[in-house]
């Protein structure tokens, strides 16, 4: 994958679920909502000065949220941050740059 381009979609891994879980409180605060279901389904990455993770998360039986999470380079010693998100998504909505 070249710098700046998005990777192909891949099934979510435990590490991706952990990233989603780390930013869940940020999303809940912004949306004033509590998500009982928060399961990472697929993800894509974009290499920048760190990594942007685009993650499709299932938030109910048939509702999904797309997250964009920035993970800084390891030497910067920063927690992942929720940089953007899209609610009201479906299982079939493509996970694209936003």
PDB file of N, CA and C in Angstrom:
ATOM      1  N   UNK A   1       0.843  -1.178   0.000  1.00  0.00           N
ATOM      2  CA  UNK A   1       0.000   0.000   0.000  1.00  0.00           C
ATOM      3  C   UNK A   1       0.883   1.234   0.000  1.00  0.00           C
ATOM      4  N   UNK A   2       0.556   2.191  -0.858  1.00  0.00           N
ATOM      5  CA  UNK A   2       1.345   3.413  -0.898  1.00  0.00           C
ATOM      6  C   UNK A   2       0.845   4.409   0.146  1.00  0.00           C
ATOM      7  N   UNK A   3       1.735   5.292   0.552  1.00  0.00           N
ATOM      8  CA  UNK A   3       1.372   6.302   1.535  1.00  0.00           C
ATOM      9  C   UNK A   3       0.215   7.131   1.003  1.00  0.00           C
ATOM     10  N   UNK A   4      -0.791   7.326   1.835  1.00  0.00           N
ATOM     11  CA  UNK A   4      -1.933   8.138   1.463  1.00  0.00           C
ATOM     12  C   UNK A   4      -3.101   7.372   0.883  1.00  0.00           C
ATOM     13  N   UNK A   5      -2.853   6.192   0.300  1.00  0.00           N
ATOM     14  CA  UNK A   5      -3.931   5.402  -0.277  1.00  0.00           C
ATOM     15  C   UNK A   5      -4.585   4.515   0.765  1.00  0.00           C
ATOM     16  N   UNK A   6      -5.846   4.142   0.533  1.00  0.00           N
ATOM     17  CA  UNK A   6      -6.543   3.240   1.452  1.00  0.00           C
ATOM     18  C   UNK A   6      -6.257   1.795   1.093  1.00  0.00           C
ATOM     19  N   UNK A   7      -6.084   0.980   2.106  1.00  0.00           N
ATOM     20  CA  UNK A   7      -5.912  -0.456   1.886  1.00  0.00           C
ATOM     21  C   UNK A   7      -7.242  -1.056   1.448  1.00  0.00           C
ATOM     22  N   UNK A   8      -7.197  -2.279   0.976  1.00  0.00           N
ATOM     23  CA  UNK A   8      -8.433  -3.006   0.694  1.00  0.00           C
ATOM     24  C   UNK A   8      -9.118  -3.324   2.019  1.00  0.00           C
ATOM     25  N   UNK A   9     -10.454  -3.460   2.017  1.00  0.00           N
ATOM     26  CA  UNK A   9     -11.163  -3.831   3.255  1.00  0.00           C
ATOM     27  C   UNK A   9     -10.728  -5.217   3.733  1.00  0.00           C
ATOM     28  N   UNK A  10     -10.577  -5.349   5.049  1.00  0.00           N
ATOM     29  CA  UNK A  10     -10.185  -6.620   5.658  1.00  0.00           C
ATOM     30  C   UNK A  10     -11.103  -6.893   6.842  1.00  0.00           C
ATOM     31  N   UNK A  11     -11.301  -8.165   7.187  1.00  0.00           N
ATOM     32  CA  UNK A  11     -12.084  -8.478   8.387  1.00  0.00           C
ATOM     33  C   UNK A  11     -11.398  -7.893   9.625  1.00  0.00           C
ATOM     34  N   UNK A  12     -12.194  -7.382  10.535  1.00  0.00           N
ATOM     35  CA  UNK A  12     -11.649  -6.789  11.761  1.00  0.00           C
ATOM     36  C   UNK A  12     -10.918  -7.844  12.583  1.00  0.00           C
ATOM     37  N   UNK A  13      -9.844  -7.421  13.200  1.00  0.00           N
ATOM     38  CA  UNK A  13      -9.022  -8.266  14.063  1.00  0.00           C
ATOM     39  C   UNK A  13      -9.260  -7.856  15.519  1.00  0.00           C
ATOM     40  N   UNK A  14      -8.783  -8.646  16.471  1.00  0.00           N
ATOM     41  CA  UNK A  14      -8.887  -8.211  17.874  1.00  0.00           C
ATOM     42  C   UNK A  14      -8.221  -6.852  18.124  1.00  0.00           C
ATOM     43  N   UNK A  15      -7.132  -6.561  17.418  1.00  0.00           N
ATOM     44  CA  UNK A  15      -6.451  -5.278  17.591  1.00  0.00           C
ATOM     45  C   UNK A  15      -7.331  -4.125  17.109  1.00  0.00           C
ATOM     46  N   UNK A  16      -8.056  -4.338  16.001  1.00  0.00           N
ATOM     47  CA  UNK A  16      -8.953  -3.309  15.477  1.00  0.00           C
ATOM     48  C   UNK A  16     -10.134  -3.112  16.429  1.00  0.00           C
ATOM     49  N   UNK A  17     -10.659  -4.203  16.976  1.00  0.00           N
ATOM     50  CA  UNK A  17     -11.739  -4.094  17.963  1.00  0.00           C
ATOM     51  C   UNK A  17     -11.262  -3.290  19.173  1.00  0.00           C
ATOM     52  N   UNK A  18     -10.023  -3.519  19.592  1.00  0.00           N
ATOM     53  CA  UNK A  18      -9.464  -2.784  20.730  1.00  0.00           C
ATOM     54  C   UNK A  18      -9.396  -1.283  20.426  1.00  0.00           C
ATOM     55  N   UNK A  19      -8.978  -0.921  19.201  1.00  0.00           N
ATOM     56  CA  UNK A  19      -8.949   0.493  18.811  1.00  0.00           C
ATOM     57  C   UNK A  19     -10.356   1.090  18.879  1.00  0.00           C
ATOM     58  N   UNK A  20     -11.333   0.373  18.331  1.00  0.00           N
ATOM     59  CA  UNK A  20     -12.712   0.860  18.365  1.00  0.00           C
ATOM     60  C   UNK A  20     -13.185   1.039  19.808  1.00  0.00           C
ATOM     61  N   UNK A  21     -12.876   0.066  20.650  1.00  0.00           N
ATOM     62  CA  UNK A  21     -13.271   0.154  22.061  1.00  0.00           C
ATOM     63  C   UNK A  21     -12.632   1.354  22.756  1.00  0.00           C
ATOM     64  N   UNK A  22     -11.392   1.681  22.371  1.00  0.00           N
ATOM     65  CA  UNK A  22     -10.702   2.807  22.995  1.00  0.00           C
ATOM     66  C   UNK A  22     -11.366   4.144  22.674  1.00  0.00           C
ATOM     67  N   UNK A  23     -11.954   4.281  21.479  1.00  0.00           N
ATOM     68  CA  UNK A  23     -12.577   5.558  21.113  1.00  0.00           C
ATOM     69  C   UNK A  23     -14.095   5.562  21.338  1.00  0.00           C
ATOM     70  N   UNK A  24     -14.651   4.435  21.761  1.00  0.00           N
ATOM     71  CA  UNK A  24     -16.097   4.351  22.006  1.00  0.00           C
ATOM     72  C   UNK A  24     -16.583   5.453  22.948  1.00  0.00           C
ATOM     73  N   UNK A  25     -15.891   5.738  24.068  1.00  0.00           N
ATOM     74  CA  UNK A  25     -16.368   6.823  24.945  1.00  0.00           C
ATOM     75  C   UNK A  25     -16.398   8.187  24.242  1.00  0.00           C
ATOM     76  N   UNK A  26     -15.457   8.447  23.330  1.00  0.00           N
ATOM     77  CA  UNK A  26     -15.454   9.701  22.579  1.00  0.00           C
ATOM     78  C   UNK A  26     -16.711   9.798  21.708  1.00  0.00           C
ATOM     79  N   UNK A  27     -17.054   8.697  21.021  1.00  0.00           N
ATOM     80  CA  UNK A  27     -18.240   8.670  20.172  1.00  0.00           C
ATOM     81  C   UNK A  27     -19.509   8.827  21.010  1.00  0.00           C
ATOM     82  N   UNK A  28     -19.591   8.099  22.108  1.00  0.00           N
ATOM     83  CA  UNK A  28     -20.776   8.170  22.958  1.00  0.00           C
ATOM     84  C   UNK A  28     -20.973   9.582  23.500  1.00  0.00           C
ATOM     85  N   UNK A  29     -19.891  10.252  23.831  1.00  0.00           N
ATOM     86  CA  UNK A  29     -19.970  11.630  24.323  1.00  0.00           C
ATOM     87  C   UNK A  29     -20.463  12.571  23.223  1.00  0.00           C
ATOM     88  N   UNK A  30     -19.923  12.421  22.014  1.00  0.00           N
ATOM     89  CA  UNK A  30     -20.320  13.299  20.908  1.00  0.00           C
ATOM     90  C   UNK A  30     -21.759  13.074  20.483  1.00  0.00           C
ATOM     91  N   UNK A  31     -22.210  11.832  20.542  1.00  0.00           N
ATOM     92  CA  UNK A  31     -23.560  11.485  20.096  1.00  0.00           C
ATOM     93  C   UNK A  31     -24.577  11.493  21.241  1.00  0.00           C
ATOM     94  N   UNK A  32     -24.107  11.648  22.478  1.00  0.00           N
ATOM     95  CA  UNK A  32     -24.966  11.563  23.659  1.00  0.00           C
ATOM     96  C   UNK A  32     -25.794  10.282  23.618  1.00  0.00           C
ATOM     97  N   UNK A  33     -25.107   9.191  23.386  1.00  0.00           N
ATOM     98  CA  UNK A  33     -25.729   7.882  23.176  1.00  0.00           C
ATOM     99  C   UNK A  33     -24.842   6.829  23.825  1.00  0.00           C
ATOM    100  N   UNK A  34     -25.459   5.744  24.300  1.00  0.00           N
ATOM    101  CA  UNK A  34     -24.705   4.598  24.817  1.00  0.00           C
ATOM    102  C   UNK A  34     -24.930   3.437  23.865  1.00  0.00           C
ATOM    103  N   UNK A  35     -23.840   2.823  23.425  1.00  0.00           N
ATOM    104  CA  UNK A  35     -23.917   1.703  22.486  1.00  0.00           C
ATOM    105  C   UNK A  35     -23.646   0.396  23.225  1.00  0.00           C
ATOM    106  N   UNK A  36     -24.687  -0.427  23.348  1.00  0.00           N
ATOM    107  CA  UNK A  36     -24.522  -1.728  23.994  1.00  0.00           C
ATOM    108  C   UNK A  36     -23.846  -2.728  23.070  1.00  0.00           C
ATOM    109  N   UNK A  37     -24.103  -2.601  21.781  1.00  0.00           N
ATOM    110  CA  UNK A  37     -23.416  -3.408  20.765  1.00  0.00           C
ATOM    111  C   UNK A  37     -22.402  -2.488  20.108  1.00  0.00           C
ATOM    112  N   UNK A  38     -21.158  -2.930  20.006  1.00  0.00           N
ATOM    113  CA  UNK A  38     -20.101  -2.121  19.387  1.00  0.00           C
ATOM    114  C   UNK A  38     -19.053  -3.082  18.845  1.00  0.00           C
ATOM    115  N   UNK A  39     -19.391  -3.724  17.728  1.00  0.00           N
ATOM    116  CA  UNK A  39     -18.575  -4.803  17.177  1.00  0.00           C
ATOM    117  C   UNK A  39     -17.942  -4.373  15.861  1.00  0.00           C
ATOM    118  N   UNK A  40     -16.612  -4.333  15.821  1.00  0.00           N
ATOM    119  CA  UNK A  40     -15.897  -4.017  14.589  1.00  0.00           C
ATOM    120  C   UNK A  40     -16.103  -5.152  13.588  1.00  0.00           C
ATOM    121  N   UNK A  41     -16.473  -4.798  12.346  1.00  0.00           N
ATOM    122  CA  UNK A  41     -16.766  -5.784  11.313  1.00  0.00           C
ATOM    123  C   UNK A  41     -15.648  -5.854  10.278  1.00  0.00           C
ATOM    124  N   UNK A  42     -15.359  -4.724   9.649  1.00  0.00           N
ATOM    125  CA  UNK A  42     -14.272  -4.639   8.671  1.00  0.00           C
ATOM    126  C   UNK A  42     -13.495  -3.357   8.915  1.00  0.00           C
ATOM    127  N   UNK A  43     -12.317  -3.264   8.295  1.00  0.00           N
ATOM    128  CA  UNK A  43     -11.530  -2.039   8.422  1.00  0.00           C
ATOM    129  C   UNK A  43     -10.648  -1.840   7.204  1.00  0.00           C
ATOM    130  N   UNK A  44     -10.204  -0.604   7.048  1.00  0.00           N
ATOM    131  CA  UNK A  44      -9.223  -0.227   6.038  1.00  0.00           C
ATOM    132  C   UNK A  44      -8.227   0.681   6.742  1.00  0.00           C
ATOM    133  N   UNK A  45      -7.025   0.780   6.199  1.00  0.00           N
ATOM    134  CA  UNK A  45      -6.034   1.677   6.788  1.00  0.00           C
ATOM    135  C   UNK A  45      -5.503   2.638   5.732  1.00  0.00           C
ATOM    136  N   UNK A  46      -4.989   3.759   6.226  1.00  0.00           N
ATOM    137  CA  UNK A  46      -4.357   4.768   5.397  1.00  0.00           C
ATOM    138  C   UNK A  46      -3.109   5.218   6.144  1.00  0.00           C
ATOM    139  N   UNK A  47      -1.942   5.058   5.498  1.00  0.00           N
ATOM    140  CA  UNK A  47      -0.690   5.474   6.120  1.00  0.00           C
ATOM    141  C   UNK A  47      -0.499   6.963   5.871  1.00  0.00           C
ATOM    142  N   UNK A  48      -0.379   7.706   6.969  1.00  0.00           N
ATOM    143  CA  UNK A  48      -0.095   9.146   6.927  1.00  0.00           C
ATOM    144  C   UNK A  48       1.079   9.348   7.886  1.00  0.00           C
ATOM    145  N   UNK A  49       1.113  10.395   8.676  1.00  0.00           N
ATOM    146  CA  UNK A  49       2.133  10.534   9.717  1.00  0.00           C
ATOM    147  C   UNK A  49       1.612   9.778  10.938  1.00  0.00           C
ATOM    148  N   UNK A  50       1.416   8.493  10.769  1.00  0.00           N
ATOM    149  CA  UNK A  50       0.729   7.593  11.682  1.00  0.00           C
ATOM    150  C   UNK A  50      -0.190   6.755  10.801  1.00  0.00           C
ATOM    151  N   UNK A  51      -1.277   6.267  11.352  1.00  0.00           N
ATOM    152  CA  UNK A  51      -2.217   5.458  10.570  1.00  0.00           C
ATOM    153  C   UNK A  51      -3.638   5.910  10.864  1.00  0.00           C
ATOM    154  N   UNK A  52      -4.404   6.132   9.802  1.00  0.00           N
ATOM    155  CA  UNK A  52      -5.847   6.327   9.919  1.00  0.00           C
ATOM    156  C   UNK A  52      -6.498   4.967   9.750  1.00  0.00           C
ATOM    157  N   UNK A  53      -7.342   4.607  10.680  1.00  0.00           N
ATOM    158  CA  UNK A  53      -8.126   3.381  10.584  1.00  0.00           C
ATOM    159  C   UNK A  53      -9.560   3.774  10.259  1.00  0.00           C
ATOM    160  N   UNK A  54     -10.111   3.197   9.223  1.00  0.00           N
ATOM    161  CA  UNK A  54     -11.522   3.352   8.873  1.00  0.00           C
ATOM    162  C   UNK A  54     -12.181   2.044   9.268  1.00  0.00           C
ATOM    163  N   UNK A  55     -13.100   2.097  10.213  1.00  0.00           N
ATOM    164  CA  UNK A  55     -13.664   0.872  10.789  1.00  0.00           C
ATOM    165  C   UNK A  55     -15.187   0.924  10.710  1.00  0.00           C
ATOM    166  N   UNK A  56     -15.783  -0.157  10.187  1.00  0.00           N
ATOM    167  CA  UNK A  56     -17.238  -0.314  10.208  1.00  0.00           C
ATOM    168  C   UNK A  56     -17.583  -1.064  11.484  1.00  0.00           C
ATOM    169  N   UNK A  57     -18.409  -0.440  12.333  1.00  0.00           N
ATOM    170  CA  UNK A  57     -18.800  -1.007  13.616  1.00  0.00           C
ATOM    171  C   UNK A  57     -20.304  -1.255  13.607  1.00  0.00           C
ATOM    172  N   UNK A  58     -20.711  -2.445  14.025  1.00  0.00           N
ATOM    173  CA  UNK A  58     -22.137  -2.733  14.188  1.00  0.00           C
ATOM    174  C   UNK A  58     -22.572  -2.190  15.536  1.00  0.00           C
ATOM    175  N   UNK A  59     -23.649  -1.356  15.529  1.00  0.00           N
ATOM    176  CA  UNK A  59     -24.097  -0.726  16.775  1.00  0.00           C
ATOM    177  C   UNK A  59     -25.483  -1.197  17.218  1.00  0.00           C
ATOM    178  N   UNK A  60     -26.167  -1.955  16.363  1.00  0.00           N
ATOM    179  CA  UNK A  60     -27.433  -2.591  16.726  1.00  0.00           C
ATOM    180  C   UNK A  60     -27.678  -3.699  15.700  1.00  0.00           C
ATOM    181  N   UNK A  61     -28.842  -4.331  15.764  1.00  0.00           N
ATOM    182  CA  UNK A  61     -29.105  -5.438  14.848  1.00  0.00           C
ATOM    183  C   UNK A  61     -28.887  -5.070  13.385  1.00  0.00           C
ATOM    184  N   UNK A  62     -29.304  -3.868  12.992  1.00  0.00           N
ATOM    185  CA  UNK A  62     -29.130  -3.488  11.587  1.00  0.00           C
ATOM    186  C   UNK A  62     -28.666  -2.050  11.402  1.00  0.00           C
ATOM    187  N   UNK A  63     -27.929  -1.523  12.376  1.00  0.00           N
ATOM    188  CA  UNK A  63     -27.333  -0.195  12.245  1.00  0.00           C
ATOM    189  C   UNK A  63     -25.827  -0.285  12.424  1.00  0.00           C
ATOM    190  N   UNK A  64     -25.147   0.523  11.634  1.00  0.00           N
ATOM    191  CA  UNK A  64     -23.687   0.513  11.621  1.00  0.00           C
ATOM    192  C   UNK A  64     -23.180   1.944  11.686  1.00  0.00           C
ATOM    193  N   UNK A  65     -21.957   2.083  12.166  1.00  0.00           N
ATOM    194  CA  UNK A  65     -21.279   3.374  12.250  1.00  0.00           C
ATOM    195  C   UNK A  65     -19.926   3.206  11.583  1.00  0.00           C
ATOM    196  N   UNK A  66     -19.514   4.199  10.804  1.00  0.00           N
ATOM    197  CA  UNK A  66     -18.171   4.205  10.248  1.00  0.00           C
ATOM    198  C   UNK A  66     -17.322   5.147  11.091  1.00  0.00           C
ATOM    199  N   UNK A  67     -16.196   4.648  11.569  1.00  0.00           N
ATOM    200  CA  UNK A  67     -15.280   5.426  12.398  1.00  0.00           C
ATOM    201  C   UNK A  67     -14.002   5.726  11.627  1.00  0.00           C
ATOM    202  N   UNK A  68     -13.431   6.901  11.844  1.00  0.00           N
ATOM    203  CA  UNK A  68     -12.063   7.179  11.389  1.00  0.00           C
ATOM    204  C   UNK A  68     -11.258   7.467  12.644  1.00  0.00           C
ATOM    205  N   UNK A  69     -10.284   6.631  12.900  1.00  0.00           N
ATOM    206  CA  UNK A  69      -9.454   6.719  14.105  1.00  0.00           C
ATOM    207  C   UNK A  69      -8.017   6.981  13.682  1.00  0.00           C
ATOM    208  N   UNK A  70      -7.393   7.959  14.299  1.00  0.00           N
ATOM    209  CA  UNK A  70      -5.983   8.239  14.026  1.00  0.00           C
ATOM    210  C   UNK A  70      -5.126   7.635  15.122  1.00  0.00           C
ATOM    211  N   UNK A  71      -4.155   6.816  14.710  1.00  0.00           N
ATOM    212  CA  UNK A  71      -3.176   6.246  15.635  1.00  0.00           C
ATOM    213  C   UNK A  71      -1.820   6.856  15.287  1.00  0.00           C
ATOM    214  N   UNK A  72      -1.295   7.663  16.196  1.00  0.00           N
ATOM    215  CA  UNK A  72      -0.005   8.321  15.968  1.00  0.00           C
ATOM    216  C   UNK A  72       1.118   7.289  15.939  1.00  0.00           C
ATOM    217  N   UNK A  73       2.267   7.712  15.458  1.00  0.00           N
ATOM    218  CA  UNK A  73       3.447   6.844  15.456  1.00  0.00           C
ATOM    219  C   UNK A  73       3.805   6.463  16.891  1.00  0.00           C
ATOM    220  N   UNK A  74       4.343   5.256  17.089  1.00  0.00           N
ATOM    221  CA  UNK A  74       4.621   4.773  18.456  1.00  0.00           C
ATOM    222  C   UNK A  74       5.474   5.731  19.294  1.00  0.00           C
ATOM    223  N   UNK A  75       6.471   6.370  18.681  1.00  0.00           N
ATOM    224  CA  UNK A  75       7.357   7.253  19.451  1.00  0.00           C
ATOM    225  C   UNK A  75       6.642   8.505  19.955  1.00  0.00           C
ATOM    226  N   UNK A  76       5.453   8.807  19.428  1.00  0.00           N
ATOM    227  CA  UNK A  76       4.708   9.976  19.886  1.00  0.00           C
ATOM    228  C   UNK A  76       3.915   9.696  21.160  1.00  0.00           C
ATOM    229  N   UNK A  77       3.784   8.400  21.521  1.00  0.00           N
ATOM    230  CA  UNK A  77       3.165   7.991  22.780  1.00  0.00           C
ATOM    231  C   UNK A  77       1.803   8.654  23.015  1.00  0.00           C
ATOM    232  N   UNK A  78       0.916   8.555  22.006  1.00  0.00           N
ATOM    233  CA  UNK A  78      -0.420   9.139  22.107  1.00  0.00           C
ATOM    234  C   UNK A  78      -1.469   8.048  21.969  1.00  0.00           C
ATOM    235  N   UNK A  79      -2.589   8.220  22.675  1.00  0.00           N
ATOM    236  CA  UNK A  79      -3.707   7.302  22.529  1.00  0.00           C
ATOM    237  C   UNK A  79      -4.384   7.538  21.184  1.00  0.00           C
ATOM    238  N   UNK A  80      -5.075   6.529  20.659  1.00  0.00           N
ATOM    239  CA  UNK A  80      -5.823   6.731  19.419  1.00  0.00           C
ATOM    240  C   UNK A  80      -6.928   7.764  19.623  1.00  0.00           C
ATOM    241  N   UNK A  81      -7.246   8.509  18.550  1.00  0.00           N
ATOM    242  CA  UNK A  81      -8.303   9.512  18.665  1.00  0.00           C
ATOM    243  C   UNK A  81      -9.323   9.339  17.548  1.00  0.00           C
ATOM    244  N   UNK A  82     -10.575   9.566  17.895  1.00  0.00           N
ATOM    245  CA  UNK A  82     -11.663   9.525  16.938  1.00  0.00           C
ATOM    246  C   UNK A  82     -11.654  10.847  16.179  1.00  0.00           C
ATOM    247  N   UNK A  83     -11.276  10.808  14.904  1.00  0.00           N
ATOM    248  CA  UNK A  83     -11.177  12.059  14.141  1.00  0.00           C
ATOM    249  C   UNK A  83     -12.452  12.366  13.364  1.00  0.00           C
ATOM    250  N   UNK A  84     -13.238  11.345  13.040  1.00  0.00           N
ATOM    251  CA  UNK A  84     -14.503  11.561  12.348  1.00  0.00           C
ATOM    252  C   UNK A  84     -15.326  10.287  12.426  1.00  0.00           C
ATOM    253  N   UNK A  85     -16.607  10.410  12.139  1.00  0.00           N
ATOM    254  CA  UNK A  85     -17.481   9.239  12.137  1.00  0.00           C
ATOM    255  C   UNK A  85     -18.724   9.541  11.321  1.00  0.00           C
ATOM    256  N   UNK A  86     -19.399   8.475  10.886  1.00  0.00           N
ATOM    257  CA  UNK A  86     -20.656   8.592  10.157  1.00  0.00           C
ATOM    258  C   UNK A  86     -21.640   7.597  10.756  1.00  0.00           C
ATOM    259  N   UNK A  87     -22.794   8.090  11.190  1.00  0.00           N
ATOM    260  CA  UNK A  87     -23.841   7.221  11.745  1.00  0.00           C
ATOM    261  C   UNK A  87     -24.866   6.916  10.658  1.00  0.00           C
ATOM    262  N   UNK A  88     -25.813   6.048  10.973  1.00  0.00           N
ATOM    263  CA  UNK A  88     -26.889   5.739  10.038  1.00  0.00           C
ATOM    264  C   UNK A  88     -26.462   4.888   8.859  1.00  0.00           C
ATOM    265  N   UNK A  89     -25.397   4.140   9.018  1.00  0.00           N
ATOM    266  CA  UNK A  89     -24.898   3.290   7.940  1.00  0.00           C
ATOM    267  C   UNK A  89     -25.566   1.920   8.005  1.00  0.00           C
ATOM    268  N   UNK A  90     -25.482   1.195   6.899  1.00  0.00           N
ATOM    269  CA  UNK A  90     -26.011  -0.169   6.836  1.00  0.00           C
ATOM    270  C   UNK A  90     -24.869  -1.144   6.638  1.00  0.00           C
ATOM    271  N   UNK A  91     -25.182  -2.425   6.740  1.00  0.00           N
ATOM    272  CA  UNK A  91     -24.171  -3.465   6.539  1.00  0.00           C
ATOM    273  C   UNK A  91     -23.560  -3.372   5.151  1.00  0.00           C
ATOM    274  N   UNK A  92     -24.364  -2.968   4.167  1.00  0.00           N
ATOM    275  CA  UNK A  92     -23.909  -2.969   2.783  1.00  0.00           C
ATOM    276  C   UNK A  92     -23.259  -1.666   2.333  1.00  0.00           C
ATOM    277  N   UNK A  93     -23.304  -0.609   3.145  1.00  0.00           N
ATOM    278  CA  UNK A  93     -22.651   0.643   2.752  1.00  0.00           C
ATOM    279  C   UNK A  93     -21.151   0.417   2.629  1.00  0.00           C
ATOM    280  N   UNK A  94     -20.539   0.840   1.524  1.00  0.00           N
ATOM    281  CA  UNK A  94     -19.089   0.664   1.390  1.00  0.00           C
ATOM    282  C   UNK A  94     -18.336   1.526   2.391  1.00  0.00           C
ATOM    283  N   UNK A  95     -17.227   1.011   2.856  1.00  0.00           N
ATOM    284  CA  UNK A  95     -16.352   1.738   3.774  1.00  0.00           C
ATOM    285  C   UNK A  95     -15.340   2.491   2.923  1.00  0.00           C
ATOM    286  N   UNK A  96     -15.566   3.799   2.778  1.00  0.00           N
ATOM    287  CA  UNK A  96     -14.724   4.633   1.917  1.00  0.00           C
ATOM    288  C   UNK A  96     -14.160   5.796   2.727  1.00  0.00           C
ATOM    289  N   UNK A  97     -13.242   6.537   2.116  1.00  0.00           N
ATOM    290  CA  UNK A  97     -12.641   7.688   2.780  1.00  0.00           C
ATOM    291  C   UNK A  97     -13.725   8.729   3.101  1.00  0.00           C
ATOM    292  N   UNK A  98     -13.645   9.287   4.286  1.00  0.00           N
ATOM    293  CA  UNK A  98     -14.516  10.401   4.664  1.00  0.00           C
ATOM    294  C   UNK A  98     -13.764  11.306   5.606  1.00  0.00           C
TER     295      UNK A  98
END
